[in-house]
Amino acid sequence: QRTLARSPGVAEASVNLMLANATVAYDPAATNAGALVDAIRAT
């Protein structure tokens, strides 16, 4: 969650441990879903 929240273009990030997912609100002009996936993998 901290990594996603600090990613460029991300306005809001919420990670759910039980559901094993991350919900992210982001600016499509600054980033995209693929970049967010890469940010998670980088952790």
ModelCIF file with pLDDT and N, C-alpha, C, O atoms, coordinates in Angstrom:
data_MODEL
#
_entry.id   MODEL 
#
_entity.id                         1 
_entity.type                       polymer 
_entity.pdbx_number_of_molecules   1 
#
_entity_poly.entity_id                      1 
_entity_poly.type                           'polypeptide(L)' 
_entity_poly.nstd_linkage                   no 
_entity_poly.nstd_monomer                   no 
_entity_poly.pdbx_seq_one_letter_code       QRTLARSPGVAEASVNLMLANATVAYDPAATNAGALVDAIRAT 
_entity_poly.pdbx_seq_one_letter_code_can   QRTLARSPGVAEASVNLMLANATVAYDPAATNAGALVDAIRAT 
_entity_poly.pdbx_strand_id                 A 
#
loop_
_entity_poly_seq.entity_id 
_entity_poly_seq.num 
_entity_poly_seq.mon_id 
_entity_poly_seq.hetero 
1 1  GLN n 
1 2  ARG n 
1 3  THR n 
1 4  LEU n 
1 5  ALA n 
1 6  ARG n 
1 7  SER n 
1 8  PRO n 
1 9  GLY n 
1 10 VAL n 
1 11 ALA n 
1 12 GLU n 
1 13 ALA n 
1 14 SER n 
1 15 VAL n 
1 16 ASN n 
1 17 LEU n 
1 18 MET n 
1 19 LEU n 
1 20 ALA n 
1 21 ASN n 
1 22 ALA n 
1 23 THR n 
1 24 VAL n 
1 25 ALA n 
1 26 TYR n 
1 27 ASP n 
1 28 PRO n 
1 29 ALA n 
1 30 ALA n 
1 31 THR n 
1 32 ASN n 
1 33 ALA n 
1 34 GLY n 
1 35 ALA n 
1 36 LEU n 
1 37 VAL n 
1 38 ASP n 
1 39 ALA n 
1 40 ILE n 
1 41 ARG n 
1 42 ALA n 
1 43 THR n 
#
_struct_asym.id          A 
_struct_asym.entity_id   1 
#
loop_
_ma_qa_metric.id 
_ma_qa_metric.mode 
_ma_qa_metric.name 
_ma_qa_metric.software_group_id 
_ma_qa_metric.type 
1 global pLDDT . pLDDT 
2 local  pLDDT . pLDDT 
#
_ma_qa_metric_global.metric_id      1 
_ma_qa_metric_global.metric_value   90.93 
_ma_qa_metric_global.model_id       1 
_ma_qa_metric_global.ordinal_id     1 
#
loop_
_ma_qa_metric_local.label_asym_id 
_ma_qa_metric_local.label_comp_id 
_ma_qa_metric_local.label_seq_id 
_ma_qa_metric_local.metric_id 
_ma_qa_metric_local.metric_value 
_ma_qa_metric_local.model_id 
_ma_qa_metric_local.ordinal_id 
A GLN 1  2 93.00 1 1  
A ARG 2  2 92.00 1 2  
A THR 3  2 91.00 1 3  
A LEU 4  2 93.00 1 4  
A ALA 5  2 93.00 1 5  
A ARG 6  2 92.00 1 6  
A SER 7  2 92.00 1 7  
A PRO 8  2 92.00 1 8  
A GLY 9  2 91.00 1 9  
A VAL 10 2 93.00 1 10 
A ALA 11 2 92.00 1 11 
A GLU 12 2 92.00 1 12 
A ALA 13 2 93.00 1 13 
A SER 14 2 93.00 1 14 
A VAL 15 2 94.00 1 15 
A ASN 16 2 91.00 1 16 
A LEU 17 2 89.00 1 17 
A MET 18 2 86.00 1 18 
A LEU 19 2 83.00 1 19 
A ALA 20 2 86.00 1 20 
A ASN 21 2 89.00 1 21 
A ALA 22 2 92.00 1 22 
A THR 23 2 92.00 1 23 
A VAL 24 2 93.00 1 24 
A ALA 25 2 93.00 1 25 
A TYR 26 2 93.00 1 26 
A ASP 27 2 92.00 1 27 
A PRO 28 2 91.00 1 28 
A ALA 29 2 90.00 1 29 
A ALA 30 2 90.00 1 30 
A THR 31 2 91.00 1 31 
A ASN 32 2 91.00 1 32 
A ALA 33 2 89.00 1 33 
A GLY 34 2 90.00 1 34 
A ALA 35 2 92.00 1 35 
A LEU 36 2 93.00 1 36 
A VAL 37 2 93.00 1 37 
A ASP 38 2 91.00 1 38 
A ALA 39 2 91.00 1 39 
A ILE 40 2 92.00 1 40 
A ARG 41 2 89.00 1 41 
A ALA 42 2 86.00 1 42 
A THR 43 2 86.00 1 43 
#
loop_
_atom_site.group_PDB 
_atom_site.id 
_atom_site.type_symbol 
_atom_site.label_atom_id 
_atom_site.label_alt_id 
_atom_site.label_comp_id 
_atom_site.label_asym_id 
_atom_site.label_entity_id 
_atom_site.label_seq_id 
_atom_site.pdbx_PDB_ins_code 
_atom_site.Cartn_x 
_atom_site.Cartn_y 
_atom_site.Cartn_z 
_atom_site.occupancy 
_atom_site.B_iso_or_equiv 
_atom_site.pdbx_formal_charge 
_atom_site.auth_seq_id 
_atom_site.auth_comp_id 
_atom_site.auth_asym_id 
_atom_site.auth_atom_id 
_atom_site.pdbx_PDB_model_num 
ATOM 1   N N  . GLN A 1 1  ? 0.826  -1.203  0.000   1.00 93.00 ? 1  GLN A N  1 
ATOM 2   C CA . GLN A 1 1  ? 0.000  0.000   0.000   1.00 93.00 ? 1  GLN A CA 1 
ATOM 3   C C  . GLN A 1 1  ? 0.864  1.257   0.000   1.00 93.00 ? 1  GLN A C  1 
ATOM 4   O O  . GLN A 1 1  ? 0.552  2.228   -0.690  1.00 93.00 ? 1  GLN A O  1 
ATOM 5   N N  . ARG A 1 2  ? 1.940  1.240   0.767   1.00 92.00 ? 2  ARG A N  1 
ATOM 6   C CA . ARG A 1 2  ? 2.832  2.407   0.813   1.00 92.00 ? 2  ARG A CA 1 
ATOM 7   C C  . ARG A 1 2  ? 3.496  2.636   -0.540  1.00 92.00 ? 2  ARG A C  1 
ATOM 8   O O  . ARG A 1 2  ? 3.647  3.776   -0.980  1.00 92.00 ? 2  ARG A O  1 
ATOM 9   N N  . THR A 1 3  ? 3.890  1.554   -1.195  1.00 91.00 ? 3  THR A N  1 
ATOM 10  C CA . THR A 1 3  ? 4.523  1.673   -2.507  1.00 91.00 ? 3  THR A CA 1 
ATOM 11  C C  . THR A 1 3  ? 3.556  2.244   -3.535  1.00 91.00 ? 3  THR A C  1 
ATOM 12  O O  . THR A 1 3  ? 3.923  3.114   -4.325  1.00 91.00 ? 3  THR A O  1 
ATOM 13  N N  . LEU A 1 4  ? 2.329  1.757   -3.522  1.00 93.00 ? 4  LEU A N  1 
ATOM 14  C CA . LEU A 1 4  ? 1.337  2.254   -4.474  1.00 93.00 ? 4  LEU A CA 1 
ATOM 15  C C  . LEU A 1 4  ? 0.991  3.711   -4.195  1.00 93.00 ? 4  LEU A C  1 
ATOM 16  O O  . LEU A 1 4  ? 0.870  4.515   -5.118  1.00 93.00 ? 4  LEU A O  1 
ATOM 17  N N  . ALA A 1 5  ? 0.832  4.045   -2.918  1.00 93.00 ? 5  ALA A N  1 
ATOM 18  C CA . ALA A 1 5  ? 0.458  5.418   -2.567  1.00 93.00 ? 5  ALA A CA 1 
ATOM 19  C C  . ALA A 1 5  ? 1.518  6.419   -3.001  1.00 93.00 ? 5  ALA A C  1 
ATOM 20  O O  . ALA A 1 5  ? 1.200  7.573   -3.291  1.00 93.00 ? 5  ALA A O  1 
ATOM 21  N N  . ARG A 1 6  ? 2.782  5.987   -3.049  1.00 92.00 ? 6  ARG A N  1 
ATOM 22  C CA . ARG A 1 6  ? 3.870  6.886   -3.431  1.00 92.00 ? 6  ARG A CA 1 
ATOM 23  C C  . ARG A 1 6  ? 4.118  6.896   -4.943  1.00 92.00 ? 6  ARG A C  1 
ATOM 24  O O  . ARG A 1 6  ? 4.938  7.673   -5.432  1.00 92.00 ? 6  ARG A O  1 
ATOM 25  N N  . SER A 1 7  ? 3.422  6.047   -5.671  1.00 92.00 ? 7  SER A N  1 
ATOM 26  C CA . SER A 1 7  ? 3.635  5.972   -7.113  1.00 92.00 ? 7  SER A CA 1 
ATOM 27  C C  . SER A 1 7  ? 3.076  7.219   -7.795  1.00 92.00 ? 7  SER A C  1 
ATOM 28  O O  . SER A 1 7  ? 2.041  7.733   -7.371  1.00 92.00 ? 7  SER A O  1 
ATOM 29  N N  . PRO A 1 8  ? 3.731  7.712   -8.830  1.00 92.00 ? 8  PRO A N  1 
ATOM 30  C CA . PRO A 1 8  ? 3.246  8.911   -9.541  1.00 92.00 ? 8  PRO A CA 1 
ATOM 31  C C  . PRO A 1 8  ? 1.849  8.687   -10.122 1.00 92.00 ? 8  PRO A C  1 
ATOM 32  O O  . PRO A 1 8  ? 1.554  7.639   -10.698 1.00 92.00 ? 8  PRO A O  1 
ATOM 33  N N  . GLY A 1 9  ? 1.009  9.693   -9.956  1.00 91.00 ? 9  GLY A N  1 
ATOM 34  C CA . GLY A 1 9  ? -0.325 9.644   -10.529 1.00 91.00 ? 9  GLY A CA 1 
ATOM 35  C C  . GLY A 1 9  ? -1.365 8.950   -9.683  1.00 91.00 ? 9  GLY A C  1 
ATOM 36  O O  . GLY A 1 9  ? -2.538 8.944   -10.054 1.00 91.00 ? 9  GLY A O  1 
ATOM 37  N N  . VAL A 1 10 ? -0.985 8.361   -8.556  1.00 93.00 ? 10 VAL A N  1 
ATOM 38  C CA . VAL A 1 10 ? -1.929 7.637   -7.697  1.00 93.00 ? 10 VAL A CA 1 
ATOM 39  C C  . VAL A 1 10 ? -2.564 8.609   -6.718  1.00 93.00 ? 10 VAL A C  1 
ATOM 40  O O  . VAL A 1 10 ? -1.870 9.300   -5.971  1.00 93.00 ? 10 VAL A O  1 
ATOM 41  N N  . ALA A 1 11 ? -3.893 8.656   -6.729  1.00 92.00 ? 11 ALA A N  1 
ATOM 42  C CA . ALA A 1 11 ? -4.624 9.525   -5.805  1.00 92.00 ? 11 ALA A CA 1 
ATOM 43  C C  . ALA A 1 11 ? -5.015 8.789   -4.536  1.00 92.00 ? 11 ALA A C  1 
ATOM 44  O O  . ALA A 1 11 ? -5.112 9.390   -3.466  1.00 92.00 ? 11 ALA A O  1 
ATOM 45  N N  . GLU A 1 12 ? -5.242 7.479   -4.656  1.00 92.00 ? 12 GLU A N  1 
ATOM 46  C CA . GLU A 1 12 ? -5.674 6.703   -3.499  1.00 92.00 ? 12 GLU A CA 1 
ATOM 47  C C  . GLU A 1 12 ? -5.320 5.239   -3.733  1.00 92.00 ? 12 GLU A C  1 
ATOM 48  O O  . GLU A 1 12 ? -5.467 4.729   -4.844  1.00 92.00 ? 12 GLU A O  1 
ATOM 49  N N  . ALA A 1 13 ? -4.850 4.561   -2.675  1.00 93.00 ? 13 ALA A N  1 
ATOM 50  C CA . ALA A 1 13 ? -4.505 3.139   -2.779  1.00 93.00 ? 13 ALA A CA 1 
ATOM 51  C C  . ALA A 1 13 ? -4.969 2.426   -1.519  1.00 93.00 ? 13 ALA A C  1 
ATOM 52  O O  . ALA A 1 13 ? -4.735 2.897   -0.406  1.00 93.00 ? 13 ALA A O  1 
ATOM 53  N N  . SER A 1 14 ? -5.622 1.299   -1.699  1.00 93.00 ? 14 SER A N  1 
ATOM 54  C CA . SER A 1 14 ? -6.102 0.501   -0.573  1.00 93.00 ? 14 SER A CA 1 
ATOM 55  C C  . SER A 1 14 ? -5.800 -0.962  -0.865  1.00 93.00 ? 14 SER A C  1 
ATOM 56  O O  . SER A 1 14 ? -6.213 -1.493  -1.896  1.00 93.00 ? 14 SER A O  1 
ATOM 57  N N  . VAL A 1 15 ? -5.074 -1.618  0.048   1.00 94.00 ? 15 VAL A N  1 
ATOM 58  C CA . VAL A 1 15 ? -4.692 -3.014  -0.119  1.00 94.00 ? 15 VAL A CA 1 
ATOM 59  C C  . VAL A 1 15 ? -5.436 -3.864  0.898   1.00 94.00 ? 15 VAL A C  1 
ATOM 60  O O  . VAL A 1 15 ? -5.451 -3.546  2.088   1.00 94.00 ? 15 VAL A O  1 
ATOM 61  N N  . ASN A 1 16 ? -6.052 -4.941  0.435   1.00 91.00 ? 16 ASN A N  1 
ATOM 62  C CA . ASN A 1 16 ? -6.818 -5.840  1.288   1.00 91.00 ? 16 ASN A CA 1 
ATOM 63  C C  . ASN A 1 16 ? -6.081 -7.163  1.393   1.00 91.00 ? 16 ASN A C  1 
ATOM 64  O O  . ASN A 1 16 ? -5.935 -7.883  0.405   1.00 91.00 ? 16 ASN A O  1 
ATOM 65  N N  . LEU A 1 17 ? -5.616 -7.481  2.602   1.00 89.00 ? 17 LEU A N  1 
ATOM 66  C CA . LEU A 1 17 ? -4.855 -8.709  2.810   1.00 89.00 ? 17 LEU A CA 1 
ATOM 67  C C  . LEU A 1 17 ? -5.726 -9.948  2.638   1.00 89.00 ? 17 LEU A C  1 
ATOM 68  O O  . LEU A 1 17 ? -5.294 -10.930 2.034   1.00 89.00 ? 17 LEU A O  1 
ATOM 69  N N  . MET A 1 18 ? -6.956 -9.908  3.168   1.00 86.00 ? 18 MET A N  1 
ATOM 70  C CA . MET A 1 18 ? -7.836 -11.067 3.101   1.00 86.00 ? 18 MET A CA 1 
ATOM 71  C C  . MET A 1 18 ? -8.280 -11.364 1.675   1.00 86.00 ? 18 MET A C  1 
ATOM 72  O O  . MET A 1 18 ? -8.360 -12.527 1.278   1.00 86.00 ? 18 MET A O  1 
ATOM 73  N N  . LEU A 1 19 ? -8.567 -10.323 0.906   1.00 83.00 ? 19 LEU A N  1 
ATOM 74  C CA . LEU A 1 19 ? -8.994 -10.508 -0.479  1.00 83.00 ? 19 LEU A CA 1 
ATOM 75  C C  . LEU A 1 19 ? -7.816 -10.624 -1.439  1.00 83.00 ? 19 LEU A C  1 
ATOM 76  O O  . LEU A 1 19 ? -7.994 -10.955 -2.612  1.00 83.00 ? 19 LEU A O  1 
ATOM 77  N N  . ALA A 1 20 ? -6.620 -10.353 -0.941  1.00 86.00 ? 20 ALA A N  1 
ATOM 78  C CA . ALA A 1 20 ? -5.391 -10.442 -1.735  1.00 86.00 ? 20 ALA A CA 1 
ATOM 79  C C  . ALA A 1 20 ? -5.470 -9.578  -2.985  1.00 86.00 ? 20 ALA A C  1 
ATOM 80  O O  . ALA A 1 20 ? -5.201 -10.042 -4.094  1.00 86.00 ? 20 ALA A O  1 
ATOM 81  N N  . ASN A 1 21 ? -5.846 -8.303  -2.790  1.00 89.00 ? 21 ASN A N  1 
ATOM 82  C CA . ASN A 1 21 ? -5.891 -7.402  -3.932  1.00 89.00 ? 21 ASN A CA 1 
ATOM 83  C C  . ASN A 1 21 ? -5.601 -5.977  -3.497  1.00 89.00 ? 21 ASN A C  1 
ATOM 84  O O  . ASN A 1 21 ? -5.571 -5.661  -2.307  1.00 89.00 ? 21 ASN A O  1 
ATOM 85  N N  . ALA A 1 22 ? -5.390 -5.135  -4.479  1.00 92.00 ? 22 ALA A N  1 
ATOM 86  C CA . ALA A 1 22 ? -5.140 -3.714  -4.239  1.00 92.00 ? 22 ALA A CA 1 
ATOM 87  C C  . ALA A 1 22 ? -6.063 -2.907  -5.127  1.00 92.00 ? 22 ALA A C  1 
ATOM 88  O O  . ALA A 1 22 ? -6.111 -3.132  -6.337  1.00 92.00 ? 22 ALA A O  1 
ATOM 89  N N  . THR A 1 23 ? -6.798 -1.969  -4.547  1.00 92.00 ? 23 THR A N  1 
ATOM 90  C CA . THR A 1 23 ? -7.679 -1.082  -5.292  1.00 92.00 ? 23 THR A CA 1 
ATOM 91  C C  . THR A 1 23 ? -7.031 0.289   -5.357  1.00 92.00 ? 23 THR A C  1 
ATOM 92  O O  . THR A 1 23 ? -6.727 0.895   -4.330  1.00 92.00 ? 23 THR A O  1 
ATOM 93  N N  . VAL A 1 24 ? -6.823 0.771   -6.576  1.00 93.00 ? 24 VAL A N  1 
ATOM 94  C CA . VAL A 1 24 ? -6.063 2.009   -6.768  1.00 93.00 ? 24 VAL A CA 1 
ATOM 95  C C  . VAL A 1 24 ? -6.856 2.972   -7.632  1.00 93.00 ? 24 VAL A C  1 
ATOM 96  O O  . VAL A 1 24 ? -7.367 2.595   -8.687  1.00 93.00 ? 24 VAL A O  1 
ATOM 97  N N  . ALA A 1 25 ? -6.956 4.212   -7.187  1.00 93.00 ? 25 ALA A N  1 
ATOM 98  C CA . ALA A 1 25 ? -7.514 5.294   -7.999  1.00 93.00 ? 25 ALA A CA 1 
ATOM 99  C C  . ALA A 1 25 ? -6.345 6.128   -8.504  1.00 93.00 ? 25 ALA A C  1 
ATOM 100 O O  . ALA A 1 25 ? -5.536 6.615   -7.714  1.00 93.00 ? 25 ALA A O  1 
ATOM 101 N N  . TYR A 1 26 ? -6.259 6.291   -9.820  1.00 93.00 ? 26 TYR A N  1 
ATOM 102 C CA . TYR A 1 26 ? -5.087 6.951   -10.387 1.00 93.00 ? 26 TYR A CA 1 
ATOM 103 C C  . TYR A 1 26 ? -5.476 7.845   -11.562 1.00 93.00 ? 26 TYR A C  1 
ATOM 104 O O  . TYR A 1 26 ? -6.540 7.705   -12.165 1.00 93.00 ? 26 TYR A O  1 
ATOM 105 N N  . ASP A 1 27 ? -4.572 8.762   -11.854 1.00 92.00 ? 27 ASP A N  1 
ATOM 106 C CA . ASP A 1 27 ? -4.735 9.675   -12.976 1.00 92.00 ? 27 ASP A CA 1 
ATOM 107 C C  . ASP A 1 27 ? -4.221 8.985   -14.238 1.00 92.00 ? 27 ASP A C  1 
ATOM 108 O O  . ASP A 1 27 ? -3.023 8.716   -14.333 1.00 92.00 ? 27 ASP A O  1 
ATOM 109 N N  . PRO A 1 28 ? -5.085 8.692   -15.208 1.00 91.00 ? 28 PRO A N  1 
ATOM 110 C CA . PRO A 1 28 ? -4.638 7.975   -16.409 1.00 91.00 ? 28 PRO A CA 1 
ATOM 111 C C  . PRO A 1 28 ? -3.662 8.770   -17.254 1.00 91.00 ? 28 PRO A C  1 
ATOM 112 O O  . PRO A 1 28 ? -2.981 8.210   -18.113 1.00 91.00 ? 28 PRO A O  1 
ATOM 113 N N  . ALA A 1 29 ? -3.589 10.086  -17.015 1.00 90.00 ? 29 ALA A N  1 
ATOM 114 C CA . ALA A 1 29 ? -2.636 10.891  -17.764 1.00 90.00 ? 29 ALA A CA 1 
ATOM 115 C C  . ALA A 1 29 ? -1.220 10.745  -17.215 1.00 90.00 ? 29 ALA A C  1 
ATOM 116 O O  . ALA A 1 29 ? -0.248 11.069  -17.897 1.00 90.00 ? 29 ALA A O  1 
ATOM 117 N N  . ALA A 1 30 ? -1.110 10.253  -15.975 1.00 90.00 ? 30 ALA A N  1 
ATOM 118 C CA . ALA A 1 30 ? 0.202  10.149  -15.337 1.00 90.00 ? 30 ALA A CA 1 
ATOM 119 C C  . ALA A 1 30 ? 0.708  8.721   -15.222 1.00 90.00 ? 30 ALA A C  1 
ATOM 120 O O  . ALA A 1 30 ? 1.918  8.506   -15.158 1.00 90.00 ? 30 ALA A O  1 
ATOM 121 N N  . THR A 1 31 ? -0.191 7.735   -15.194 1.00 91.00 ? 31 THR A N  1 
ATOM 122 C CA . THR A 1 31 ? 0.220  6.341   -15.053 1.00 91.00 ? 31 THR A CA 1 
ATOM 123 C C  . THR A 1 31 ? -0.854 5.440   -15.640 1.00 91.00 ? 31 THR A C  1 
ATOM 124 O O  . THR A 1 31 ? -1.848 5.920   -16.186 1.00 91.00 ? 31 THR A O  1 
ATOM 125 N N  . ASN A 1 32 ? -0.654 4.146   -15.527 1.00 91.00 ? 32 ASN A N  1 
ATOM 126 C CA . ASN A 1 32 ? -1.635 3.189   -16.040 1.00 91.00 ? 32 ASN A CA 1 
ATOM 127 C C  . ASN A 1 32 ? -1.590 1.919   -15.194 1.00 91.00 ? 32 ASN A C  1 
ATOM 128 O O  . ASN A 1 32 ? -0.734 1.764   -14.323 1.00 91.00 ? 32 ASN A O  1 
ATOM 129 N N  . ALA A 1 33 ? -2.529 1.016   -15.468 1.00 89.00 ? 33 ALA A N  1 
ATOM 130 C CA . ALA A 1 33 ? -2.623 -0.200  -14.666 1.00 89.00 ? 33 ALA A CA 1 
ATOM 131 C C  . ALA A 1 33 ? -1.368 -1.049  -14.778 1.00 89.00 ? 33 ALA A C  1 
ATOM 132 O O  . ALA A 1 33 ? -0.942 -1.654  -13.794 1.00 89.00 ? 33 ALA A O  1 
ATOM 133 N N  . GLY A 1 34 ? -0.771 -1.102  -15.958 1.00 90.00 ? 34 GLY A N  1 
ATOM 134 C CA . GLY A 1 34 ? 0.449  -1.880  -16.134 1.00 90.00 ? 34 GLY A CA 1 
ATOM 135 C C  . GLY A 1 34 ? 1.586  -1.376  -15.268 1.00 90.00 ? 34 GLY A C  1 
ATOM 136 O O  . GLY A 1 34 ? 2.337  -2.170  -14.702 1.00 90.00 ? 34 GLY A O  1 
ATOM 137 N N  . ALA A 1 35 ? 1.719  -0.053  -15.160 1.00 92.00 ? 35 ALA A N  1 
ATOM 138 C CA . ALA A 1 35 ? 2.771  0.524   -14.328 1.00 92.00 ? 35 ALA A CA 1 
ATOM 139 C C  . ALA A 1 35 ? 2.529  0.221   -12.853 1.00 92.00 ? 35 ALA A C  1 
ATOM 140 O O  . ALA A 1 35 ? 3.477  0.019   -12.094 1.00 92.00 ? 35 ALA A O  1 
ATOM 141 N N  . LEU A 1 36 ? 1.260  0.188   -12.447 1.00 93.00 ? 36 LEU A N  1 
ATOM 142 C CA . LEU A 1 36 ? 0.937  -0.136  -11.058 1.00 93.00 ? 36 LEU A CA 1 
ATOM 143 C C  . LEU A 1 36 ? 1.269  -1.594  -10.753 1.00 93.00 ? 36 LEU A C  1 
ATOM 144 O O  . LEU A 1 36 ? 1.765  -1.910  -9.672  1.00 93.00 ? 36 LEU A O  1 
ATOM 145 N N  . VAL A 1 37 ? 0.996  -2.471  -11.702 1.00 93.00 ? 37 VAL A N  1 
ATOM 146 C CA . VAL A 1 37 ? 1.360  -3.882  -11.539 1.00 93.00 ? 37 VAL A CA 1 
ATOM 147 C C  . VAL A 1 37 ? 2.873  -4.021  -11.399 1.00 93.00 ? 37 VAL A C  1 
ATOM 148 O O  . VAL A 1 37 ? 3.356  -4.781  -10.559 1.00 93.00 ? 37 VAL A O  1 
ATOM 149 N N  . ASP A 1 38 ? 3.612  -3.293  -12.216 1.00 91.00 ? 38 ASP A N  1 
ATOM 150 C CA . ASP A 1 38 ? 5.073  -3.326  -12.139 1.00 91.00 ? 38 ASP A CA 1 
ATOM 151 C C  . ASP A 1 38 ? 5.565  -2.803  -10.788 1.00 91.00 ? 38 ASP A C  1 
ATOM 152 O O  . ASP A 1 38 ? 6.541  -3.319  -10.242 1.00 91.00 ? 38 ASP A O  1 
ATOM 153 N N  . ALA A 1 39 ? 4.897  -1.787  -10.249 1.00 91.00 ? 39 ALA A N  1 
ATOM 154 C CA . ALA A 1 39 ? 5.293  -1.241  -8.950  1.00 91.00 ? 39 ALA A CA 1 
ATOM 155 C C  . ALA A 1 39 ? 5.100  -2.272  -7.847  1.00 91.00 ? 39 ALA A C  1 
ATOM 156 O O  . ALA A 1 39 ? 5.920  -2.374  -6.934  1.00 91.00 ? 39 ALA A O  1 
ATOM 157 N N  . ILE A 1 40 ? 4.009  -3.041  -7.933  1.00 92.00 ? 40 ILE A N  1 
ATOM 158 C CA . ILE A 1 40 ? 3.769  -4.088  -6.936  1.00 92.00 ? 40 ILE A CA 1 
ATOM 159 C C  . ILE A 1 40 ? 4.816  -5.181  -7.057  1.00 92.00 ? 40 ILE A C  1 
ATOM 160 O O  . ILE A 1 40 ? 5.353  -5.649  -6.053  1.00 92.00 ? 40 ILE A O  1 
ATOM 161 N N  . ARG A 1 41 ? 5.102  -5.583  -8.273  1.00 89.00 ? 41 ARG A N  1 
ATOM 162 C CA . ARG A 1 41 ? 6.097  -6.643  -8.486  1.00 89.00 ? 41 ARG A CA 1 
ATOM 163 C C  . ARG A 1 41 ? 7.478  -6.208  -8.007  1.00 89.00 ? 41 ARG A C  1 
ATOM 164 O O  . ARG A 1 41 ? 8.273  -7.030  -7.553  1.00 89.00 ? 41 ARG A O  1 
ATOM 165 N N  . ALA A 1 42 ? 7.756  -4.910  -8.112  1.00 86.00 ? 42 ALA A N  1 
ATOM 166 C CA . ALA A 1 42 ? 9.053  -4.393  -7.676  1.00 86.00 ? 42 ALA A CA 1 
ATOM 167 C C  . ALA A 1 42 ? 9.240  -4.526  -6.170  1.00 86.00 ? 42 ALA A C  1 
ATOM 168 O O  . ALA A 1 42 ? 10.370 -4.495  -5.683  1.00 86.00 ? 42 ALA A O  1 
ATOM 169 N N  . THR A 1 43 ? 8.143  -4.675  -5.426  1.00 86.00 ? 43 THR A N  1 
ATOM 170 C CA . THR A 1 43 ? 8.242  -4.859  -3.979  1.00 86.00 ? 43 THR A CA 1 
ATOM 171 C C  . THR A 1 43 ? 8.471  -6.314  -3.608  1.00 86.00 ? 43 THR A C  1 
ATOM 172 O O  . THR A 1 43 ? 8.577  -6.639  -2.425  1.00 86.00 ? 43 THR A O  1 
#
